PDB file of all heavy atoms in Angstrom:
ATOM      1  N   PRO A   1     -11.143  65.716 -28.266  1.00  0.00           N
ATOM      2  CA  PRO A   1      -9.925  64.966 -27.661  1.00  0.00           C
ATOM      3  C   PRO A   1      -8.668  65.528 -28.143  1.00  0.00           C
ATOM      4  O   PRO A   1      -7.628  65.522 -27.491  1.00  0.00           O
ATOM      5  CB  PRO A   1     -10.295  63.611 -28.048  1.00  0.00           C
ATOM      6  CG  PRO A   1     -11.737  63.504 -28.244  1.00  0.00           C
ATOM      7  CD  PRO A   1     -12.080  64.821 -28.815  1.00  0.00           C
ATOM      8  N   TRP A   2      -8.603  65.830 -29.545  1.00  0.00           N
ATOM      9  CA  TRP A   2      -7.375  66.341 -30.086  1.00  0.00           C
ATOM     10  C   TRP A   2      -6.964  67.688 -29.496  1.00  0.00           C
ATOM     11  O   TRP A   2      -5.870  68.036 -29.253  1.00  0.00           O
ATOM     12  CB  TRP A   2      -7.496  66.485 -31.538  1.00  0.00           C
ATOM     13  CG  TRP A   2      -7.578  65.179 -32.211  1.00  0.00           C
ATOM     14  CD1 TRP A   2      -8.621  64.272 -32.266  1.00  0.00           C
ATOM     15  CD2 TRP A   2      -6.545  64.538 -33.011  1.00  0.00           C
ATOM     16  NE1 TRP A   2      -8.292  63.121 -33.060  1.00  0.00           N
ATOM     17  CE2 TRP A   2      -7.066  63.308 -33.518  1.00  0.00           C
ATOM     18  CE3 TRP A   2      -5.298  64.945 -33.398  1.00  0.00           C
ATOM     19  CZ2 TRP A   2      -6.277  62.449 -34.257  1.00  0.00           C
ATOM     20  CZ3 TRP A   2      -4.532  64.063 -34.202  1.00  0.00           C
ATOM     21  CH2 TRP A   2      -5.043  62.910 -34.632  1.00  0.00           C
ATOM     22  N   ILE A   3      -8.063  68.552 -29.212  1.00  0.00           N
ATOM     23  CA  ILE A   3      -7.791  69.768 -28.603  1.00  0.00           C
ATOM     24  C   ILE A   3      -7.167  69.576 -27.236  1.00  0.00           C
ATOM     25  O   ILE A   3      -6.238  70.346 -26.811  1.00  0.00           O
ATOM     26  CB  ILE A   3      -9.192  70.648 -28.487  1.00  0.00           C
ATOM     27  CG1 ILE A   3      -9.677  70.913 -30.006  1.00  0.00           C
ATOM     28  CG2 ILE A   3      -8.911  71.926 -27.756  1.00  0.00           C
ATOM     29  CD1 ILE A   3     -10.970  71.613 -30.014  1.00  0.00           C
ATOM     30  N   LEU A   4      -7.674  68.755 -26.371  1.00  0.00           N
ATOM     31  CA  LEU A   4      -7.199  68.520 -25.118  1.00  0.00           C
ATOM     32  C   LEU A   4      -5.790  67.969 -25.156  1.00  0.00           C
ATOM     33  O   LEU A   4      -4.884  68.318 -24.417  1.00  0.00           O
ATOM     34  CB  LEU A   4      -8.091  67.597 -24.319  1.00  0.00           C
ATOM     35  CG  LEU A   4      -9.406  68.208 -23.816  1.00  0.00           C
ATOM     36  CD1 LEU A   4     -10.366  67.095 -23.105  1.00  0.00           C
ATOM     37  CD2 LEU A   4      -9.082  69.211 -22.729  1.00  0.00           C
ATOM     38  N   ALA A   5      -5.562  66.993 -26.107  1.00  0.00           N
ATOM     39  CA  ALA A   5      -4.219  66.493 -26.184  1.00  0.00           C
ATOM     40  C   ALA A   5      -3.195  67.552 -26.655  1.00  0.00           C
ATOM     41  O   ALA A   5      -1.998  67.620 -26.158  1.00  0.00           O
ATOM     42  CB  ALA A   5      -4.237  65.365 -27.250  1.00  0.00           C
ATOM     43  N   THR A   6      -3.695  68.483 -27.480  1.00  0.00           N
ATOM     44  CA  THR A   6      -2.816  69.605 -27.920  1.00  0.00           C
ATOM     45  C   THR A   6      -2.522  70.442 -26.767  1.00  0.00           C
ATOM     46  O   THR A   6      -1.329  71.079 -26.639  1.00  0.00           O
ATOM     47  CB  THR A   6      -3.506  70.435 -29.066  1.00  0.00           C
ATOM     48  OG1 THR A   6      -3.749  69.479 -30.231  1.00  0.00           O
ATOM     49  CG2 THR A   6      -2.687  71.577 -29.486  1.00  0.00           C
ATOM     50  N   MET A   7      -3.531  70.681 -25.848  1.00  0.00           N
ATOM     51  CA  MET A   7      -3.265  71.643 -24.799  1.00  0.00           C
ATOM     52  C   MET A   7      -2.190  71.159 -23.800  1.00  0.00           C
ATOM     53  O   MET A   7      -1.348  71.924 -23.311  1.00  0.00           O
ATOM     54  CB  MET A   7      -4.590  71.769 -23.939  1.00  0.00           C
ATOM     55  CG  MET A   7      -5.650  72.592 -24.687  1.00  0.00           C
ATOM     56  SD  MET A   7      -7.244  72.601 -23.855  1.00  0.00           S
ATOM     57  CE  MET A   7      -6.862  73.301 -22.320  1.00  0.00           C
ATOM     58  N   ARG A   8      -2.188  69.709 -23.629  1.00  0.00           N
ATOM     59  CA  ARG A   8      -1.167  69.172 -22.816  1.00  0.00           C
ATOM     60  C   ARG A   8       0.253  69.299 -23.408  1.00  0.00           C
ATOM     61  O   ARG A   8       1.169  69.468 -22.857  1.00  0.00           O
ATOM     62  CB  ARG A   8      -1.425  67.826 -22.469  1.00  0.00           C
ATOM     63  CG  ARG A   8      -2.700  67.614 -21.655  1.00  0.00           C
ATOM     64  CD  ARG A   8      -3.031  66.212 -21.226  1.00  0.00           C
ATOM     65  NE  ARG A   8      -2.010  65.764 -20.260  1.00  0.00           N
ATOM     66  CZ  ARG A   8      -2.017  64.562 -19.681  1.00  0.00           C
ATOM     67  NH1 ARG A   8      -2.962  63.665 -20.035  1.00  0.00           N
ATOM     68  NH2 ARG A   8      -1.085  64.175 -18.855  1.00  0.00           N
ATOM     69  N   LEU A   9       0.251  69.123 -24.791  1.00  0.00           N
ATOM     70  CA  LEU A   9       1.471  69.049 -25.522  1.00  0.00           C
ATOM     71  C   LEU A   9       2.018  70.542 -25.596  1.00  0.00           C
ATOM     72  O   LEU A   9       3.259  70.830 -25.431  1.00  0.00           O
ATOM     73  CB  LEU A   9       1.203  68.637 -26.975  1.00  0.00           C
ATOM     74  CG  LEU A   9       2.466  68.674 -27.949  1.00  0.00           C
ATOM     75  CD1 LEU A   9       3.514  67.697 -27.434  1.00  0.00           C
ATOM     76  CD2 LEU A   9       1.988  68.336 -29.318  1.00  0.00           C
ATOM     77  N   ASN A  10       1.088  71.483 -25.597  1.00  0.00           N
ATOM     78  CA  ASN A  10       1.499  72.915 -25.706  1.00  0.00           C
ATOM     79  C   ASN A  10       2.055  73.507 -24.407  1.00  0.00           C
ATOM     80  O   ASN A  10       2.612  74.676 -24.463  1.00  0.00           O
ATOM     81  CB  ASN A  10       0.429  73.785 -26.255  1.00  0.00           C
ATOM     82  CG  ASN A  10       0.292  73.947 -27.754  1.00  0.00           C
ATOM     83  OD1 ASN A  10       1.348  73.549 -28.431  1.00  0.00           O
ATOM     84  ND2 ASN A  10      -0.662  74.384 -28.349  1.00  0.00           N
ATOM     85  N   ILE A  11       1.827  72.805 -23.328  1.00  0.00           N
ATOM     86  CA  ILE A  11       2.413  73.432 -22.078  1.00  0.00           C
ATOM     87  C   ILE A  11       3.927  73.528 -22.279  1.00  0.00           C
ATOM     88  O   ILE A  11       4.572  74.624 -21.829  1.00  0.00           O
ATOM     89  CB  ILE A  11       2.141  72.378 -20.910  1.00  0.00           C
ATOM     90  CG1 ILE A  11       0.653  72.454 -20.555  1.00  0.00           C
ATOM     91  CG2 ILE A  11       2.933  72.735 -19.657  1.00  0.00           C
ATOM     92  CD1 ILE A  11       0.183  71.407 -19.507  1.00  0.00           C
ATOM     93  N   GLY A  12       4.574  72.456 -22.756  1.00  0.00           N
ATOM     94  CA  GLY A  12       6.016  72.576 -22.929  1.00  0.00           C
ATOM     95  C   GLY A  12       6.453  73.627 -23.965  1.00  0.00           C
ATOM     96  O   GLY A  12       7.435  74.215 -23.651  1.00  0.00           O
ATOM     97  N   PHE A  13       5.735  73.602 -25.092  1.00  0.00           N
ATOM     98  CA  PHE A  13       6.065  74.699 -26.091  1.00  0.00           C
ATOM     99  C   PHE A  13       5.907  76.092 -25.566  1.00  0.00           C
ATOM    100  O   PHE A  13       6.734  77.014 -25.890  1.00  0.00           O
ATOM    101  CB  PHE A  13       5.256  74.481 -27.344  1.00  0.00           C
ATOM    102  CG  PHE A  13       5.628  73.246 -28.156  1.00  0.00           C
ATOM    103  CD1 PHE A  13       4.901  72.133 -28.239  1.00  0.00           C
ATOM    104  CD2 PHE A  13       6.784  73.260 -28.845  1.00  0.00           C
ATOM    105  CE1 PHE A  13       5.311  71.011 -28.937  1.00  0.00           C
ATOM    106  CE2 PHE A  13       7.211  72.213 -29.623  1.00  0.00           C
ATOM    107  CZ  PHE A  13       6.506  71.048 -29.598  1.00  0.00           C
ATOM    108  N   ALA A  14       4.887  76.383 -24.776  1.00  0.00           N
ATOM    109  CA  ALA A  14       4.680  77.681 -24.224  1.00  0.00           C
ATOM    110  C   ALA A  14       5.797  78.127 -23.227  1.00  0.00           C
ATOM    111  O   ALA A  14       6.294  79.160 -23.267  1.00  0.00           O
ATOM    112  CB  ALA A  14       3.272  77.809 -23.459  1.00  0.00           C
ATOM    113  N   MET A  15       6.200  77.128 -22.453  1.00  0.00           N
ATOM    114  CA  MET A  15       7.432  77.318 -21.537  1.00  0.00           C
ATOM    115  C   MET A  15       8.709  77.577 -22.322  1.00  0.00           C
ATOM    116  O   MET A  15       9.455  78.402 -21.967  1.00  0.00           O
ATOM    117  CB  MET A  15       7.476  76.163 -20.559  1.00  0.00           C
ATOM    118  CG  MET A  15       6.294  76.148 -19.587  1.00  0.00           C
ATOM    119  SD  MET A  15       6.462  74.959 -18.331  1.00  0.00           S
ATOM    120  CE  MET A  15       7.816  75.624 -17.404  1.00  0.00           C
ATOM    121  N   ILE A  16       8.784  76.775 -23.425  1.00  0.00           N
ATOM    122  CA  ILE A  16      10.051  77.008 -24.234  1.00  0.00           C
ATOM    123  C   ILE A  16      10.060  78.445 -24.803  1.00  0.00           C
ATOM    124  O   ILE A  16      11.015  79.128 -24.738  1.00  0.00           O
ATOM    125  CB  ILE A  16      10.057  75.991 -25.427  1.00  0.00           C
ATOM    126  CG1 ILE A  16      10.310  74.534 -24.790  1.00  0.00           C
ATOM    127  CG2 ILE A  16      11.118  76.392 -26.412  1.00  0.00           C
ATOM    128  CD1 ILE A  16      10.167  73.502 -25.906  1.00  0.00           C
ATOM    129  N   GLY A  17       8.865  78.824 -25.348  1.00  0.00           N
ATOM    130  CA  GLY A  17       8.817  80.163 -25.946  1.00  0.00           C
ATOM    131  C   GLY A  17       9.140  81.246 -24.862  1.00  0.00           C
ATOM    132  O   GLY A  17       9.881  82.166 -25.086  1.00  0.00           O
ATOM    133  N   ALA A  18       8.589  81.083 -23.693  1.00  0.00           N
ATOM    134  CA  ALA A  18       8.793  82.139 -22.571  1.00  0.00           C
ATOM    135  C   ALA A  18      10.321  82.224 -22.223  1.00  0.00           C
ATOM    136  O   ALA A  18      10.857  83.284 -22.213  1.00  0.00           O
ATOM    137  CB  ALA A  18       7.915  81.835 -21.419  1.00  0.00           C
ATOM    138  N   VAL A  19      10.809  80.904 -22.048  1.00  0.00           N
ATOM    139  CA  VAL A  19      12.277  80.941 -21.627  1.00  0.00           C
ATOM    140  C   VAL A  19      13.208  81.471 -22.722  1.00  0.00           C
ATOM    141  O   VAL A  19      14.180  82.168 -22.469  1.00  0.00           O
ATOM    142  CB  VAL A  19      12.667  79.494 -21.244  1.00  0.00           C
ATOM    143  CG1 VAL A  19      14.212  79.397 -21.029  1.00  0.00           C
ATOM    144  CG2 VAL A  19      11.974  79.094 -19.967  1.00  0.00           C
ATOM    145  N   VAL A  20      12.949  81.084 -24.007  1.00  0.00           N
ATOM    146  CA  VAL A  20      13.718  81.568 -25.140  1.00  0.00           C
ATOM    147  C   VAL A  20      13.579  83.147 -25.204  1.00  0.00           C
ATOM    148  O   VAL A  20      14.671  83.845 -25.437  1.00  0.00           O
ATOM    149  CB  VAL A  20      13.309  80.904 -26.496  1.00  0.00           C
ATOM    150  CG1 VAL A  20      13.929  81.667 -27.570  1.00  0.00           C
ATOM    151  CG2 VAL A  20      13.646  79.519 -26.545  1.00  0.00           C
ATOM    152  N   GLY A  21      12.397  83.607 -25.033  1.00  0.00           N
ATOM    153  CA  GLY A  21      12.316  85.050 -25.018  1.00  0.00           C
ATOM    154  C   GLY A  21      13.067  85.762 -23.826  1.00  0.00           C
ATOM    155  O   GLY A  21      13.631  86.773 -24.058  1.00  0.00           O
ATOM    156  N   GLU A  22      13.133  85.038 -22.780  1.00  0.00           N
ATOM    157  CA  GLU A  22      13.939  85.626 -21.657  1.00  0.00           C
ATOM    158  C   GLU A  22      15.419  85.481 -21.847  1.00  0.00           C
ATOM    159  O   GLU A  22      16.173  86.376 -21.460  1.00  0.00           O
ATOM    160  CB  GLU A  22      13.554  84.844 -20.314  1.00  0.00           C
ATOM    161  CG  GLU A  22      12.130  85.210 -19.852  1.00  0.00           C
ATOM    162  CD  GLU A  22      11.590  84.278 -18.798  1.00  0.00           C
ATOM    163  OE1 GLU A  22      12.365  83.348 -18.465  1.00  0.00           O
ATOM    164  OE2 GLU A  22      10.558  84.610 -18.266  1.00  0.00           O
ATOM    165  N   TYR A  23      15.772  84.498 -22.664  1.00  0.00           N
ATOM    166  CA  TYR A  23      17.298  84.406 -23.018  1.00  0.00           C
ATOM    167  C   TYR A  23      17.638  85.539 -23.900  1.00  0.00           C
ATOM    168  O   TYR A  23      18.781  86.055 -23.788  1.00  0.00           O
ATOM    169  CB  TYR A  23      17.447  83.084 -23.799  1.00  0.00           C
ATOM    170  CG  TYR A  23      17.861  81.914 -22.935  1.00  0.00           C
ATOM    171  CD1 TYR A  23      17.313  81.681 -21.706  1.00  0.00           C
ATOM    172  CD2 TYR A  23      18.839  81.000 -23.418  1.00  0.00           C
ATOM    173  CE1 TYR A  23      17.659  80.545 -20.947  1.00  0.00           C
ATOM    174  CE2 TYR A  23      19.225  79.845 -22.668  1.00  0.00           C
ATOM    175  CZ  TYR A  23      18.553  79.744 -21.408  1.00  0.00           C
ATOM    176  OH  TYR A  23      18.942  78.628 -20.645  1.00  0.00           O
ATOM    177  N   ILE A  24      16.756  85.999 -24.800  1.00  0.00           N
ATOM    178  CA  ILE A  24      17.044  86.974 -25.829  1.00  0.00           C
ATOM    179  C   ILE A  24      17.198  88.415 -25.096  1.00  0.00           C
ATOM    180  O   ILE A  24      18.182  89.073 -25.292  1.00  0.00           O
ATOM    181  CB  ILE A  24      15.934  87.080 -26.781  1.00  0.00           C
ATOM    182  CG1 ILE A  24      15.954  85.749 -27.587  1.00  0.00           C
ATOM    183  CG2 ILE A  24      16.162  88.263 -27.785  1.00  0.00           C
ATOM    184  CD1 ILE A  24      14.744  85.612 -28.520  1.00  0.00           C
ATOM    185  N   SER A  25      16.099  88.693 -24.281  1.00  0.00           N
ATOM    186  CA  SER A  25      16.142  90.020 -23.666  1.00  0.00           C
ATOM    187  C   SER A  25      15.179  89.993 -22.418  1.00  0.00           C
ATOM    188  O   SER A  25      13.962  89.852 -22.726  1.00  0.00           O
ATOM    189  CB  SER A  25      15.815  91.113 -24.592  1.00  0.00           C
ATOM    190  OG  SER A  25      15.806  92.376 -23.974  1.00  0.00           O
ATOM    191  N   ALA A  26      15.708  90.150 -21.318  1.00  0.00           N
ATOM    192  CA  ALA A  26      14.802  90.159 -20.142  1.00  0.00           C
ATOM    193  C   ALA A  26      15.597  90.595 -18.905  1.00  0.00           C
ATOM    194  O   ALA A  26      16.760  90.611 -18.813  1.00  0.00           O
ATOM    195  CB  ALA A  26      14.244  88.724 -19.825  1.00  0.00           C
ATOM    196  N   LYS A  27      14.845  91.145 -17.868  1.00  0.00           N
ATOM    197  CA  LYS A  27      15.534  91.448 -16.601  1.00  0.00           C
ATOM    198  C   LYS A  27      15.007  90.620 -15.493  1.00  0.00           C
ATOM    199  O   LYS A  27      15.408  90.733 -14.395  1.00  0.00           O
ATOM    200  CB  LYS A  27      15.194  92.982 -16.352  1.00  0.00           C
ATOM    201  CG  LYS A  27      15.954  93.842 -17.375  1.00  0.00           C
ATOM    202  CD  LYS A  27      15.574  95.329 -16.988  1.00  0.00           C
ATOM    203  CE  LYS A  27      16.356  96.299 -18.014  1.00  0.00           C
ATOM    204  NZ  LYS A  27      16.043  97.704 -17.637  1.00  0.00           N
ATOM    205  N   VAL A  28      13.994  89.711 -15.805  1.00  0.00           N
ATOM    206  CA  VAL A  28      13.354  89.026 -14.889  1.00  0.00           C
ATOM    207  C   VAL A  28      12.861  87.633 -15.504  1.00  0.00           C
ATOM    208  O   VAL A  28      12.538  87.657 -16.716  1.00  0.00           O
ATOM    209  CB  VAL A  28      12.307  89.635 -14.033  1.00  0.00           C
ATOM    210  CG1 VAL A  28      11.101  89.905 -15.003  1.00  0.00           C
ATOM    211  CG2 VAL A  28      11.830  88.878 -12.862  1.00  0.00           C
ATOM    212  N   GLY A  29      12.788  86.570 -14.805  1.00  0.00           N
ATOM    213  CA  GLY A  29      12.297  85.357 -15.353  1.00  0.00           C
ATOM    214  C   GLY A  29      13.234  84.160 -15.113  1.00  0.00           C
ATOM    215  O   GLY A  29      14.471  84.425 -14.997  1.00  0.00           O
ATOM    216  N   LEU A  30      12.649  82.889 -15.188  1.00  0.00           N
ATOM    217  CA  LEU A  30      13.612  81.790 -14.966  1.00  0.00           C
ATOM    218  C   LEU A  30      14.750  81.609 -16.103  1.00  0.00           C
ATOM    219  O   LEU A  30      15.718  81.125 -15.931  1.00  0.00           O
ATOM    220  CB  LEU A  30      12.798  80.556 -14.849  1.00  0.00           C
ATOM    221  CG  LEU A  30      11.906  80.360 -13.566  1.00  0.00           C
ATOM    222  CD1 LEU A  30      11.130  79.129 -13.557  1.00  0.00           C
ATOM    223  CD2 LEU A  30      12.903  80.375 -12.304  1.00  0.00           C
TER     224      LEU A  30
END
């Protein structure tokens, strides 16, 4: 159950990481 709860929590963190990476250097992405 902790793993599943972590998965739901990590959705936001994964998107934060992707967006921050695109802020730093990218040519495409939200």
